[in-house]
PDB file of N, CA and C in Angstrom:
ATOM      1  N   GLN A   1    -176.613 115.352 -19.146  1.00  0.00           N
ATOM      2  CA  GLN A   1    -176.440 114.842 -17.794  1.00  0.00           C
ATOM      3  C   GLN A   1    -177.451 113.720 -17.550  1.00  0.00           C
ATOM      4  N   VAL A   2    -176.961 112.649 -16.957  1.00  0.00           N
ATOM      5  CA  VAL A   2    -177.798 111.483 -16.712  1.00  0.00           C
ATOM      6  C   VAL A   2    -178.641 111.671 -15.457  1.00  0.00           C
ATOM      7  N   HIS A   3    -179.921 111.317 -15.584  1.00  0.00           N
ATOM      8  CA  HIS A   3    -180.815 111.347 -14.433  1.00  0.00           C
ATOM      9  C   HIS A   3    -181.706 110.120 -14.443  1.00  0.00           C
ATOM     10  N   LEU A   4    -181.845 109.515 -13.268  1.00  0.00           N
ATOM     11  CA  LEU A   4    -182.849 108.492 -13.013  1.00  0.00           C
ATOM     12  C   LEU A   4    -183.590 108.946 -11.773  1.00  0.00           C
ATOM     13  N   VAL A   5    -184.877 109.166 -11.900  1.00  0.00           N
ATOM     14  CA  VAL A   5    -185.645 109.726 -10.792  1.00  0.00           C
ATOM     15  C   VAL A   5    -186.822 108.811 -10.479  1.00  0.00           C
ATOM     16  N   GLU A   6    -186.792 108.267  -9.261  1.00  0.00           N
ATOM     17  CA  GLU A   6    -187.895 107.407  -8.812  1.00  0.00           C
ATOM     18  C   GLU A   6    -189.031 108.252  -8.242  1.00  0.00           C
ATOM     19  N   SER A   7    -190.236 107.744  -8.376  1.00  0.00           N
ATOM     20  CA  SER A   7    -191.398 108.398  -7.791  1.00  0.00           C
ATOM     21  C   SER A   7    -192.449 107.340  -7.480  1.00  0.00           C
ATOM     22  N   GLY A   8    -193.433 107.732  -6.676  1.00  0.00           N
ATOM     23  CA  GLY A   8    -194.541 106.844  -6.365  1.00  0.00           C
ATOM     24  C   GLY A   8    -194.430 106.107  -5.050  1.00  0.00           C
ATOM     25  N   GLY A   9    -193.382 106.353  -4.305  1.00  0.00           N
ATOM     26  CA  GLY A   9    -193.223 105.675  -3.033  1.00  0.00           C
ATOM     27  C   GLY A   9    -194.130 106.251  -1.958  1.00  0.00           C
ATOM     28  N   GLY A  10    -194.033 105.665  -0.771  1.00  0.00           N
ATOM     29  CA  GLY A  10    -194.837 106.160   0.337  1.00  0.00           C
ATOM     30  C   GLY A  10    -195.267 105.044   1.251  1.00  0.00           C
ATOM     31  N   LEU A  11    -196.364 105.276   1.934  1.00  0.00           N
ATOM     32  CA  LEU A  11    -196.888 104.334   2.917  1.00  0.00           C
ATOM     33  C   LEU A  11    -198.054 103.559   2.324  1.00  0.00           C
ATOM     34  N   VAL A  12    -198.032 102.258   2.500  1.00  0.00           N
ATOM     35  CA  VAL A  12    -199.129 101.416   2.029  1.00  0.00           C
ATOM     36  C   VAL A  12    -199.418 100.374   3.092  1.00  0.00           C
ATOM     37  N   GLN A  13    -200.659 100.001   3.209  1.00  0.00           N
ATOM     38  CA  GLN A  13    -201.044  98.979   4.184  1.00  0.00           C
ATOM     39  C   GLN A  13    -200.700  97.585   3.667  1.00  0.00           C
ATOM     40  N   PRO A  14    -200.492  96.653   4.556  1.00  0.00           N
ATOM     41  CA  PRO A  14    -200.261  95.262   4.112  1.00  0.00           C
ATOM     42  C   PRO A  14    -201.392  94.781   3.216  1.00  0.00           C
ATOM     43  N   GLY A  15    -200.999  94.128   2.134  1.00  0.00           N
ATOM     44  CA  GLY A  15    -201.987  93.656   1.174  1.00  0.00           C
ATOM     45  C   GLY A  15    -202.326  94.673   0.110  1.00  0.00           C
ATOM     46  N   GLY A  16    -201.876  95.910   0.286  1.00  0.00           N
ATOM     47  CA  GLY A  16    -202.191  96.959  -0.658  1.00  0.00           C
ATOM     48  C   GLY A  16    -201.266  96.966  -1.864  1.00  0.00           C
ATOM     49  N   SER A  17    -201.512  97.932  -2.744  1.00  0.00           N
ATOM     50  CA  SER A  17    -200.745  98.048  -3.977  1.00  0.00           C
ATOM     51  C   SER A  17    -200.105  99.428  -4.094  1.00  0.00           C
ATOM     52  N   LEU A  18    -199.024  99.452  -4.836  1.00  0.00           N
ATOM     53  CA  LEU A  18    -198.311 100.699  -5.076  1.00  0.00           C
ATOM     54  C   LEU A  18    -197.553 100.533  -6.381  1.00  0.00           C
ATOM     55  N   ARG A  19    -197.410 101.615  -7.140  1.00  0.00           N
ATOM     56  CA  ARG A  19    -196.617 101.549  -8.362  1.00  0.00           C
ATOM     57  C   ARG A  19    -195.499 102.582  -8.301  1.00  0.00           C
ATOM     58  N   LEU A  20    -194.292 102.094  -8.472  1.00  0.00           N
ATOM     59  CA  LEU A  20    -193.134 102.971  -8.573  1.00  0.00           C
ATOM     60  C   LEU A  20    -192.854 103.278 -10.034  1.00  0.00           C
ATOM     61  N   SER A  21    -192.336 104.475 -10.269  1.00  0.00           N
ATOM     62  CA  SER A  21    -191.886 104.869 -11.602  1.00  0.00           C
ATOM     63  C   SER A  21    -190.442 105.316 -11.521  1.00  0.00           C
ATOM     64  N   CYS A  22    -189.746 105.152 -12.632  1.00  0.00           N
ATOM     65  CA  CYS A  22    -188.367 105.620 -12.735  1.00  0.00           C
ATOM     66  C   CYS A  22    -188.236 106.314 -14.080  1.00  0.00           C
ATOM     67  N   ALA A  23    -188.110 107.627 -14.045  1.00  0.00           N
ATOM     68  CA  ALA A  23    -188.003 108.420 -15.263  1.00  0.00           C
ATOM     69  C   ALA A  23    -186.536 108.684 -15.572  1.00  0.00           C
ATOM     70  N   ALA A  24    -186.167 108.472 -16.827  1.00  0.00           N
ATOM     71  CA  ALA A  24    -184.763 108.568 -17.222  1.00  0.00           C
ATOM     72  C   ALA A  24    -184.539 109.693 -18.224  1.00  0.00           C
ATOM     73  N   SER A  25    -183.341 110.255 -18.178  1.00  0.00           N
ATOM     74  CA  SER A  25    -182.936 111.254 -19.156  1.00  0.00           C
ATOM     75  C   SER A  25    -181.427 111.264 -19.248  1.00  0.00           C
ATOM     76  N   GLY A  26    -180.921 111.750 -20.382  1.00  0.00           N
ATOM     77  CA  GLY A  26    -179.486 111.934 -20.520  1.00  0.00           C
ATOM     78  C   GLY A  26    -178.710 110.758 -21.069  1.00  0.00           C
ATOM     79  N   PHE A  27    -179.397 109.681 -21.445  1.00  0.00           N
ATOM     80  CA  PHE A  27    -178.708 108.542 -22.053  1.00  0.00           C
ATOM     81  C   PHE A  27    -179.685 107.804 -22.958  1.00  0.00           C
ATOM     82  N   ASN A  28    -179.148 106.865 -23.742  1.00  0.00           N
ATOM     83  CA  ASN A  28    -179.954 106.151 -24.716  1.00  0.00           C
ATOM     84  C   ASN A  28    -180.757 105.045 -24.020  1.00  0.00           C
ATOM     85  N   PHE A  29    -181.885 105.416 -23.493  1.00  0.00           N
ATOM     86  CA  PHE A  29    -182.690 104.574 -22.601  1.00  0.00           C
ATOM     87  C   PHE A  29    -182.990 103.195 -23.182  1.00  0.00           C
ATOM     88  N   SER A  30    -183.358 103.150 -24.451  1.00  0.00           N
ATOM     89  CA  SER A  30    -183.813 101.888 -25.034  1.00  0.00           C
ATOM     90  C   SER A  30    -182.693 100.866 -25.195  1.00  0.00           C
ATOM     91  N   ARG A  31    -181.465 101.277 -25.017  1.00  0.00           N
ATOM     92  CA  ARG A  31    -180.329 100.363 -25.141  1.00  0.00           C
ATOM     93  C   ARG A  31    -179.856  99.827 -23.796  1.00  0.00           C
ATOM     94  N   TYR A  32    -180.588 100.158 -22.735  1.00  0.00           N
ATOM     95  CA  TYR A  32    -180.199  99.754 -21.402  1.00  0.00           C
ATOM     96  C   TYR A  32    -181.161  98.741 -20.812  1.00  0.00           C
ATOM     97  N   ALA A  33    -180.600  97.688 -20.236  1.00  0.00           N
ATOM     98  CA  ALA A  33    -181.392  96.821 -19.383  1.00  0.00           C
ATOM     99  C   ALA A  33    -181.671  97.578 -18.079  1.00  0.00           C
ATOM    100  N   LEU A  34    -182.798  97.283 -17.496  1.00  0.00           N
ATOM    101  CA  LEU A  34    -183.217  98.032 -16.316  1.00  0.00           C
ATOM    102  C   LEU A  34    -183.523  97.090 -15.160  1.00  0.00           C
ATOM    103  N   GLY A  35    -183.455  97.631 -13.975  1.00  0.00           N
ATOM    104  CA  GLY A  35    -183.778  96.811 -12.817  1.00  0.00           C
ATOM    105  C   GLY A  35    -184.154  97.652 -11.611  1.00  0.00           C
ATOM    106  N   TRP A  36    -184.780  96.974 -10.673  1.00  0.00           N
ATOM    107  CA  TRP A  36    -185.094  97.576  -9.377  1.00  0.00           C
ATOM    108  C   TRP A  36    -184.352  96.792  -8.301  1.00  0.00           C
ATOM    109  N   GLU A  37    -183.733  97.516  -7.397  1.00  0.00           N
ATOM    110  CA  GLU A  37    -183.149  96.903  -6.213  1.00  0.00           C
ATOM    111  C   GLU A  37    -183.738  97.596  -4.995  1.00  0.00           C
ATOM    112  N   ARG A  38    -183.585  96.935  -3.849  1.00  0.00           N
ATOM    113  CA  ARG A  38    -184.088  97.546  -2.621  1.00  0.00           C
ATOM    114  C   ARG A  38    -183.140  97.252  -1.478  1.00  0.00           C
ATOM    115  N   GLN A  39    -183.186  98.112  -0.483  1.00  0.00           N
ATOM    116  CA  GLN A  39    -182.376  97.920   0.714  1.00  0.00           C
ATOM    117  C   GLN A  39    -183.217  98.226   1.931  1.00  0.00           C
ATOM    118  N   ALA A  40    -183.412  97.201   2.740  1.00  0.00           N
ATOM    119  CA  ALA A  40    -184.155  97.355   3.986  1.00  0.00           C
ATOM    120  C   ALA A  40    -183.187  97.741   5.098  1.00  0.00           C
ATOM    121  N   PRO A  41    -183.682  98.345   6.162  1.00  0.00           N
ATOM    122  CA  PRO A  41    -182.805  98.745   7.265  1.00  0.00           C
ATOM    123  C   PRO A  41    -182.019  97.561   7.820  1.00  0.00           C
ATOM    124  N   GLY A  42    -180.709  97.723   7.902  1.00  0.00           N
ATOM    125  CA  GLY A  42    -179.879  96.679   8.468  1.00  0.00           C
ATOM    126  C   GLY A  42    -179.600  95.508   7.555  1.00  0.00           C
ATOM    127  N   LYS A  43    -180.044  95.596   6.309  1.00  0.00           N
ATOM    128  CA  LYS A  43    -179.850  94.488   5.375  1.00  0.00           C
ATOM    129  C   LYS A  43    -179.079  94.948   4.153  1.00  0.00           C
ATOM    130  N   GLU A  44    -178.545  93.974   3.429  1.00  0.00           N
ATOM    131  CA  GLU A  44    -177.842  94.294   2.203  1.00  0.00           C
ATOM    132  C   GLU A  44    -178.843  94.604   1.080  1.00  0.00           C
ATOM    133  N   ARG A  45    -178.354  95.346   0.100  1.00  0.00           N
ATOM    134  CA  ARG A  45    -179.191  95.637  -1.052  1.00  0.00           C
ATOM    135  C   ARG A  45    -179.431  94.353  -1.834  1.00  0.00           C
ATOM    136  N   GLU A  46    -180.669  94.191  -2.321  1.00  0.00           N
ATOM    137  CA  GLU A  46    -181.005  92.986  -3.069  1.00  0.00           C
ATOM    138  C   GLU A  46    -181.707  93.353  -4.370  1.00  0.00           C
ATOM    139  N   LEU A  47    -181.483  92.519  -5.371  1.00  0.00           N
ATOM    140  CA  LEU A  47    -182.141  92.697  -6.656  1.00  0.00           C
ATOM    141  C   LEU A  47    -183.587  92.237  -6.548  1.00  0.00           C
ATOM    142  N   VAL A  48    -184.508  93.063  -7.000  1.00  0.00           N
ATOM    143  CA  VAL A  48    -185.930  92.748  -6.926  1.00  0.00           C
ATOM    144  C   VAL A  48    -186.448  92.239  -8.263  1.00  0.00           C
ATOM    145  N   ALA A  49    -186.131  92.975  -9.333  1.00  0.00           N
ATOM    146  CA  ALA A  49    -186.651  92.610 -10.651  1.00  0.00           C
ATOM    147  C   ALA A  49    -185.777  93.227 -11.727  1.00  0.00           C
ATOM    148  N   GLY A  50    -185.781  92.596 -12.909  1.00  0.00           N
ATOM    149  CA  GLY A  50    -185.022  93.107 -14.035  1.00  0.00           C
ATOM    150  C   GLY A  50    -185.812  92.959 -15.318  1.00  0.00           C
ATOM    151  N   ILE A  51    -185.463  93.775 -16.323  1.00  0.00           N
ATOM    152  CA  ILE A  51    -186.161  93.727 -17.597  1.00  0.00           C
ATOM    153  C   ILE A  51    -185.172  94.047 -18.706  1.00  0.00           C
ATOM    154  N   THR A  52    -185.320  93.355 -19.828  1.00  0.00           N
ATOM    155  CA  THR A  52    -184.402  93.550 -20.944  1.00  0.00           C
ATOM    156  C   THR A  52    -184.710  94.839 -21.700  1.00  0.00           C
ATOM    157  N   THR A  53    -183.849  95.156 -22.666  1.00  0.00           N
ATOM    158  CA  THR A  53    -183.981  96.424 -23.385  1.00  0.00           C
ATOM    159  C   THR A  53    -185.335  96.574 -24.084  1.00  0.00           C
ATOM    160  N   SER A  54    -185.809  95.494 -24.679  1.00  0.00           N
ATOM    161  CA  SER A  54    -187.081  95.563 -25.399  1.00  0.00           C
ATOM    162  C   SER A  54    -188.282  95.332 -24.498  1.00  0.00           C
ATOM    163  N   GLY A  55    -188.019  94.820 -23.299  1.00  0.00           N
ATOM    164  CA  GLY A  55    -189.111  94.521 -22.381  1.00  0.00           C
ATOM    165  C   GLY A  55    -189.729  93.160 -22.564  1.00  0.00           C
ATOM    166  N   ASP A  56    -189.147  92.333 -23.445  1.00  0.00           N
ATOM    167  CA  ASP A  56    -189.772  91.051 -23.731  1.00  0.00           C
ATOM    168  C   ASP A  56    -189.365  89.950 -22.764  1.00  0.00           C
ATOM    169  N   SER A  57    -188.450  90.271 -21.851  1.00  0.00           N
ATOM    170  CA  SER A  57    -188.036  89.280 -20.861  1.00  0.00           C
ATOM    171  C   SER A  57    -187.850  89.961 -19.521  1.00  0.00           C
ATOM    172  N   THR A  58    -188.388  89.321 -18.472  1.00  0.00           N
ATOM    173  CA  THR A  58    -188.283  89.863 -17.130  1.00  0.00           C
ATOM    174  C   THR A  58    -187.814  88.781 -16.166  1.00  0.00           C
ATOM    175  N   SER A  59    -187.309  89.205 -15.032  1.00  0.00           N
ATOM    176  CA  SER A  59    -186.887  88.274 -13.994  1.00  0.00           C
ATOM    177  C   SER A  59    -187.216  88.877 -12.641  1.00  0.00           C
ATOM    178  N   TYR A  60    -187.431  87.994 -11.651  1.00  0.00           N
ATOM    179  CA  TYR A  60    -187.849  88.451 -10.334  1.00  0.00           C
ATOM    180  C   TYR A  60    -187.144  87.673  -9.242  1.00  0.00           C
ATOM    181  N   SER A  61    -186.945  88.334  -8.131  1.00  0.00           N
ATOM    182  CA  SER A  61    -186.493  87.656  -6.926  1.00  0.00           C
ATOM    183  C   SER A  61    -187.608  86.734  -6.444  1.00  0.00           C
ATOM    184  N   PRO A  62    -187.272  85.580  -5.895  1.00  0.00           N
ATOM    185  CA  PRO A  62    -188.326  84.671  -5.409  1.00  0.00           C
ATOM    186  C   PRO A  62    -189.258  85.320  -4.394  1.00  0.00           C
ATOM    187  N   CYS A  63    -188.769  86.277  -3.643  1.00  0.00           N
ATOM    188  CA  CYS A  63    -189.589  86.876  -2.585  1.00  0.00           C
ATOM    189  C   CYS A  63    -190.651  87.827  -3.130  1.00  0.00           C
ATOM    190  N   VAL A  64    -190.567  88.207  -4.392  1.00  0.00           N
ATOM    191  CA  VAL A  64    -191.571  89.111  -4.969  1.00  0.00           C
ATOM    192  C   VAL A  64    -192.279  88.508  -6.169  1.00  0.00           C
ATOM    193  N   LYS A  65    -191.796  87.383  -6.669  1.00  0.00           N
ATOM    194  CA  LYS A  65    -192.386  86.791  -7.865  1.00  0.00           C
ATOM    195  C   LYS A  65    -193.845  86.468  -7.634  1.00  0.00           C
ATOM    196  N   GLY A  66    -194.669  86.867  -8.587  1.00  0.00           N
ATOM    197  CA  GLY A  66    -196.103  86.662  -8.455  1.00  0.00           C
ATOM    198  C   GLY A  66    -196.828  87.828  -7.813  1.00  0.00           C
ATOM    199  N   ARG A  67    -196.074  88.728  -7.194  1.00  0.00           N
ATOM    200  CA  ARG A  67    -196.693  89.906  -6.561  1.00  0.00           C
ATOM    201  C   ARG A  67    -196.277  91.207  -7.241  1.00  0.00           C
ATOM    202  N   PHE A  68    -195.047  91.262  -7.735  1.00  0.00           N
ATOM    203  CA  PHE A  68    -194.524  92.463  -8.378  1.00  0.00           C
ATOM    204  C   PHE A  68    -194.446  92.255  -9.889  1.00  0.00           C
ATOM    205  N   THR A  69    -194.614  93.347 -10.634  1.00  0.00           N
ATOM    206  CA  THR A  69    -194.471  93.309 -12.086  1.00  0.00           C
ATOM    207  C   THR A  69    -193.631  94.489 -12.542  1.00  0.00           C
ATOM    208  N   ILE A  70    -192.555  94.178 -13.250  1.00  0.00           N
ATOM    209  CA  ILE A  70    -191.701  95.223 -13.812  1.00  0.00           C
ATOM    210  C   ILE A  70    -192.085  95.433 -15.272  1.00  0.00           C
ATOM    211  N   SER A  71    -192.050  96.686 -15.708  1.00  0.00           N
ATOM    212  CA  SER A  71    -192.355  97.005 -17.099  1.00  0.00           C
ATOM    213  C   SER A  71    -191.613  98.269 -17.490  1.00  0.00           C
ATOM    214  N   ARG A  72    -191.622  98.552 -18.781  1.00  0.00           N
ATOM    215  CA  ARG A  72    -190.957  99.756 -19.273  1.00  0.00           C
ATOM    216  C   ARG A  72    -191.697 100.299 -20.477  1.00  0.00           C
ATOM    217  N   ASP A  73    -191.553 101.591 -20.668  1.00  0.00           N
ATOM    218  CA  ASP A  73    -192.099 102.276 -21.842  1.00  0.00           C
ATOM    219  C   ASP A  73    -190.949 103.063 -22.437  1.00  0.00           C
ATOM    220  N   ASN A  74    -190.372 102.526 -23.497  1.00  0.00           N
ATOM    221  CA  ASN A  74    -189.194 103.174 -24.082  1.00  0.00           C
ATOM    222  C   ASN A  74    -189.535 104.526 -24.708  1.00  0.00           C
ATOM    223  N   ASP A  75    -190.747 104.687 -25.179  1.00  0.00           N
ATOM    224  CA  ASP A  75    -191.133 105.990 -25.748  1.00  0.00           C
ATOM    225  C   ASP A  75    -191.190 107.065 -24.664  1.00  0.00           C
ATOM    226  N   LYS A  76    -191.618 106.668 -23.471  1.00  0.00           N
ATOM    227  CA  LYS A  76    -191.705 107.621 -22.357  1.00  0.00           C
ATOM    228  C   LYS A  76    -190.441 107.627 -21.514  1.00  0.00           C
ATOM    229  N   ARG A  77    -189.499 106.735 -21.850  1.00  0.00           N
ATOM    230  CA  ARG A  77    -188.237 106.656 -21.108  1.00  0.00           C
ATOM    231  C   ARG A  77    -188.500 106.426 -19.619  1.00  0.00           C
ATOM    232  N   THR A  78    -189.383 105.538 -19.339  1.00  0.00           N
ATOM    233  CA  THR A  78    -189.804 105.297 -17.959  1.00  0.00           C
ATOM    234  C   THR A  78    -189.923 103.801 -17.687  1.00  0.00           C
ATOM    235  N   MET A  79    -189.530 103.415 -16.490  1.00  0.00           N
ATOM    236  CA  MET A  79    -189.692 102.057 -16.019  1.00  0.00           C
ATOM    237  C   MET A  79    -190.661 102.065 -14.840  1.00  0.00           C
ATOM    238  N   TYR A  80    -191.344 100.937 -14.651  1.00  0.00           N
ATOM    239  CA  TYR A  80    -192.347 100.861 -13.593  1.00  0.00           C
ATOM    240  C   TYR A  80    -192.134  99.592 -12.767  1.00  0.00           C
ATOM    241  N   LEU A  81    -192.605  99.647 -11.540  1.00  0.00           N
ATOM    242  CA  LEU A  81    -192.675  98.459 -10.701  1.00  0.00           C
ATOM    243  C   LEU A  81    -194.031  98.466 -10.013  1.00  0.00           C
ATOM    244  N   GLN A  82    -194.910  97.606 -10.477  1.00  0.00           N
ATOM    245  CA  GLN A  82    -196.217  97.451  -9.852  1.00  0.00           C
ATOM    246  C   GLN A  82    -196.081  96.458  -8.716  1.00  0.00           C
ATOM    247  N   MET A  83    -196.410  96.892  -7.523  1.00  0.00           N
ATOM    248  CA  MET A  83    -196.243  96.061  -6.335  1.00  0.00           C
ATOM    249  C   MET A  83    -197.611  95.780  -5.738  1.00  0.00           C
ATOM    250  N   ASN A  84    -198.007  94.533  -5.765  1.00  0.00           N
ATOM    251  CA  ASN A  84    -199.295  94.115  -5.216  1.00  0.00           C
ATOM    252  C   ASN A  84    -199.092  93.232  -3.991  1.00  0.00           C
ATOM    253  N   ARG A  85    -200.146  93.095  -3.208  1.00  0.00           N
ATOM    254  CA  ARG A  85    -200.139  92.213  -2.033  1.00  0.00           C
ATOM    255  C   ARG A  85    -198.889  92.474  -1.186  1.00  0.00           C
ATOM    256  N   ARG A  86    -198.693  93.744  -0.843  1.00  0.00           N
ATOM    257  CA  ARG A  86    -197.497  94.135  -0.139  1.00  0.00           C
ATOM    258  C   ARG A  86    -197.419  93.477   1.224  1.00  0.00           C
ATOM    259  N   LYS A  87    -196.173  93.212   1.646  1.00  0.00           N
ATOM    260  CA  LYS A  87    -195.899  92.630   2.951  1.00  0.00           C
ATOM    261  C   LYS A  87    -194.999  93.575   3.743  1.00  0.00           C
ATOM    262  N   HIS A  88    -194.989  93.391   5.049  1.00  0.00           N
ATOM    263  CA  HIS A  88    -194.140  94.231   5.892  1.00  0.00           C
ATOM    264  C   HIS A  88    -192.684  94.154   5.453  1.00  0.00           C
ATOM    265  N   GLU A  89    -192.263  92.970   5.033  1.00  0.00           N
ATOM    266  CA  GLU A  89    -190.854  92.799   4.644  1.00  0.00           C
ATOM    267  C   GLU A  89    -190.512  93.480   3.315  1.00  0.00           C
ATOM    268  N   ASP A  90    -191.506  94.050   2.646  1.00  0.00           N
ATOM    269  CA  ASP A  90    -191.234  94.834   1.440  1.00  0.00           C
ATOM    270  C   ASP A  90    -190.795  96.260   1.776  1.00  0.00           C
ATOM    271  N   THR A  91    -190.864  96.616   3.047  1.00  0.00           N
ATOM    272  CA  THR A  91    -190.419  97.951   3.459  1.00  0.00           C
ATOM    273  C   THR A  91    -188.933  98.110   3.184  1.00  0.00           C
ATOM    274  N   ALA A  92    -188.594  99.137   2.409  1.00  0.00           N
ATOM    275  CA  ALA A  92    -187.199  99.334   2.011  1.00  0.00           C
ATOM    276  C   ALA A  92    -187.094 100.624   1.200  1.00  0.00           C
ATOM    277  N   VAL A  93    -185.866 101.008   0.950  1.00  0.00           N
ATOM    278  CA  VAL A  93    -185.602 102.047  -0.050  1.00  0.00           C
ATOM    279  C   VAL A  93    -185.406 101.335  -1.382  1.00  0.00           C
ATOM    280  N   TYR A  94    -186.139 101.758  -2.393  1.00  0.00           N
ATOM    281  CA  TYR A  94    -186.094 101.131  -3.710  1.00  0.00           C
ATOM    282  C   TYR A  94    -185.287 102.018  -4.661  1.00  0.00           C
ATOM    283  N   PHE A  95    -184.399 101.349  -5.401  1.00  0.00           N
ATOM    284  CA  PHE A  95    -183.521 102.046  -6.337  1.00  0.00           C
ATOM    285  C   PHE A  95    -183.747 101.523  -7.750  1.00  0.00           C
ATOM    286  N   CYS A  96    -183.758 102.408  -8.730  1.00  0.00           N
ATOM    287  CA  CYS A  96    -183.797 101.932 -10.110  1.00  0.00           C
ATOM    288  C   CYS A  96    -182.389 102.002 -10.698  1.00  0.00           C
ATOM    289  N   ASN A  97    -182.131 101.102 -11.615  1.00  0.00           N
ATOM    290  CA  ASN A  97    -180.809 100.948 -12.207  1.00  0.00           C
ATOM    291  C   ASN A  97    -180.937 100.758 -13.702  1.00  0.00           C
ATOM    292  N   ALA A  98    -180.039 101.359 -14.450  1.00  0.00           N
ATOM    293  CA  ALA A  98    -179.950 101.173 -15.893  1.00  0.00           C
ATOM    294  C   ALA A  98    -178.521 100.782 -16.218  1.00  0.00           C
ATOM    295  N   ILE A  99    -178.362  99.698 -16.975  1.00  0.00           N
ATOM    296  CA  ILE A  99    -177.021  99.203 -17.249  1.00  0.00           C
ATOM    297  C   ILE A  99    -176.907  98.717 -18.685  1.00  0.00           C
ATOM    298  N   SER A 100    -175.755  99.005 -19.287  1.00  0.00           N
ATOM    299  CA  SER A 100    -175.497  98.566 -20.649  1.00  0.00           C
ATOM    300  C   SER A 100    -174.001  98.381 -20.850  1.00  0.00           C
ATOM    301  N   ALA A 101    -173.595  97.160 -21.123  1.00  0.00           N
ATOM    302  CA  ALA A 101    -172.194  96.912 -21.420  1.00  0.00           C
ATOM    303  C   ALA A 101    -171.812  97.544 -22.758  1.00  0.00           C
ATOM    304  N   TYR A 102    -172.745  97.510 -23.705  1.00  0.00           N
ATOM    305  CA  TYR A 102    -172.495  98.074 -25.036  1.00  0.00           C
ATOM    306  C   TYR A 102    -172.286  99.575 -24.966  1.00  0.00           C
ATOM    307  N   GLU A 103    -173.117 100.242 -24.149  1.00  0.00           N
ATOM    308  CA  GLU A 103    -173.021 101.693 -23.997  1.00  0.00           C
ATOM    309  C   GLU A 103    -172.027 102.082 -22.900  1.00  0.00           C
ATOM    310  N   ASN A 104    -171.512 101.074 -22.201  1.00  0.00           N
ATOM    311  CA  ASN A 104    -170.572 101.333 -21.103  1.00  0.00           C
ATOM    312  C   ASN A 104    -171.187 102.264 -20.056  1.00  0.00           C
ATOM    313  N   GLY A 105    -172.388 101.968 -19.663  1.00  0.00           N
ATOM    314  CA  GLY A 105    -173.069 102.813 -18.690  1.00  0.00           C
ATOM    315  C   GLY A 105    -173.696 102.001 -17.569  1.00  0.00           C
ATOM    316  N   ASP A 106    -173.694 102.552 -16.376  1.00  0.00           N
ATOM    317  CA  ASP A 106    -174.308 101.919 -15.201  1.00  0.00           C
ATOM    318  C   ASP A 106    -174.790 103.057 -14.305  1.00  0.00           C
ATOM    319  N   TYR A 107    -176.113 103.289 -14.303  1.00  0.00           N
ATOM    320  CA  TYR A 107    -176.660 104.455 -13.634  1.00  0.00           C
ATOM    321  C   TYR A 107    -177.677 104.057 -12.575  1.00  0.00           C
ATOM    322  N   TRP A 108    -177.746 104.883 -11.527  1.00  0.00           N
ATOM    323  CA  TRP A 108    -178.642 104.611 -10.404  1.00  0.00           C
ATOM    324  C   TRP A 108    -179.480 105.839 -10.071  1.00  0.00           C
ATOM    325  N   GLY A 109    -180.702 105.578  -9.619  1.00  0.00           N
ATOM    326  CA  GLY A 109    -181.510 106.635  -9.058  1.00  0.00           C
ATOM    327  C   GLY A 109    -181.110 106.892  -7.614  1.00  0.00           C
ATOM    328  N   GLN A 110    -181.717 107.902  -7.022  1.00  0.00           N
ATOM    329  CA  GLN A 110    -181.342 108.298  -5.669  1.00  0.00           C
ATOM    330  C   GLN A 110    -182.043 107.447  -4.615  1.00  0.00           C
ATOM    331  N   GLY A 111    -183.041 106.689  -5.027  1.00  0.00           N
ATOM    332  CA  GLY A 111    -183.775 105.827  -4.107  1.00  0.00           C
ATOM    333  C   GLY A 111    -185.037 106.490  -3.592  1.00  0.00           C
ATOM    334  N   ILE A 112    -186.023 105.662  -3.291  1.00  0.00           N
ATOM    335  CA  ILE A 112    -187.283 106.167  -2.766  1.00  0.00           C
ATOM    336  C   ILE A 112    -187.792 105.204  -1.695  1.00  0.00           C
ATOM    337  N   GLN A 113    -188.317 105.769  -0.629  1.00  0.00           N
ATOM    338  CA  GLN A 113    -188.772 104.961   0.503  1.00  0.00           C
ATOM    339  C   GLN A 113    -190.165 104.404   0.247  1.00  0.00           C
ATOM    340  N   VAL A 114    -190.300 103.119   0.526  1.00  0.00           N
ATOM    341  CA  VAL A 114    -191.600 102.460   0.514  1.00  0.00           C
ATOM    342  C   VAL A 114    -191.772 101.773   1.863  1.00  0.00           C
ATOM    343  N   THR A 115    -192.871 102.078   2.535  1.00  0.00           N
ATOM    344  CA  THR A 115    -193.136 101.531   3.863  1.00  0.00           C
ATOM    345  C   THR A 115    -194.462 100.798   3.859  1.00  0.00           C
ATOM    346  N   VAL A 116    -194.421  99.575   4.344  1.00  0.00           N
ATOM    347  CA  VAL A 116    -195.645  98.783   4.466  1.00  0.00           C
ATOM    348  C   VAL A 116    -195.981  98.696   5.942  1.00  0.00           C
ATOM    349  N   SER A 117    -197.082  99.301   6.308  1.00  0.00           N
ATOM    350  CA  SER A 117    -197.448  99.346   7.724  1.00  0.00           C
ATOM    351  C   SER A 117    -198.949  99.549   7.863  1.00  0.00           C
ATOM    352  N   SER A 118    -199.505  98.946   8.891  1.00  0.00           N
ATOM    353  CA  SER A 118    -200.915  99.162   9.174  1.00  0.00           C
ATOM    354  C   SER A 118    -201.095 100.263  10.213  1.00  0.00           C
TER     355      SER A 118
END
């Protein structure tokens, strides 16, 4: 059974840091590209960051580039999102995603709330 479980969310002050984790099980993790998306209240879901299967290439939304860092550990079957210099507009539910056309798989976590507030 496939599972993607996010952790590490919560409340952080503006300018602070937080690291999200996404632990995976039930599929061939190293063959999947991974990504983080988020959805703020009243807004559409948006792609935040993505990383290739080997982790050697990453991409970021302009609104987080330079502040967020996506990474993965294929041995631990876990993906991370290090979020620095948080802003109020980063408040959202964050979702992790694993996708592979080769494996014909597209999986999502249940989402985790991150709130930036003083």
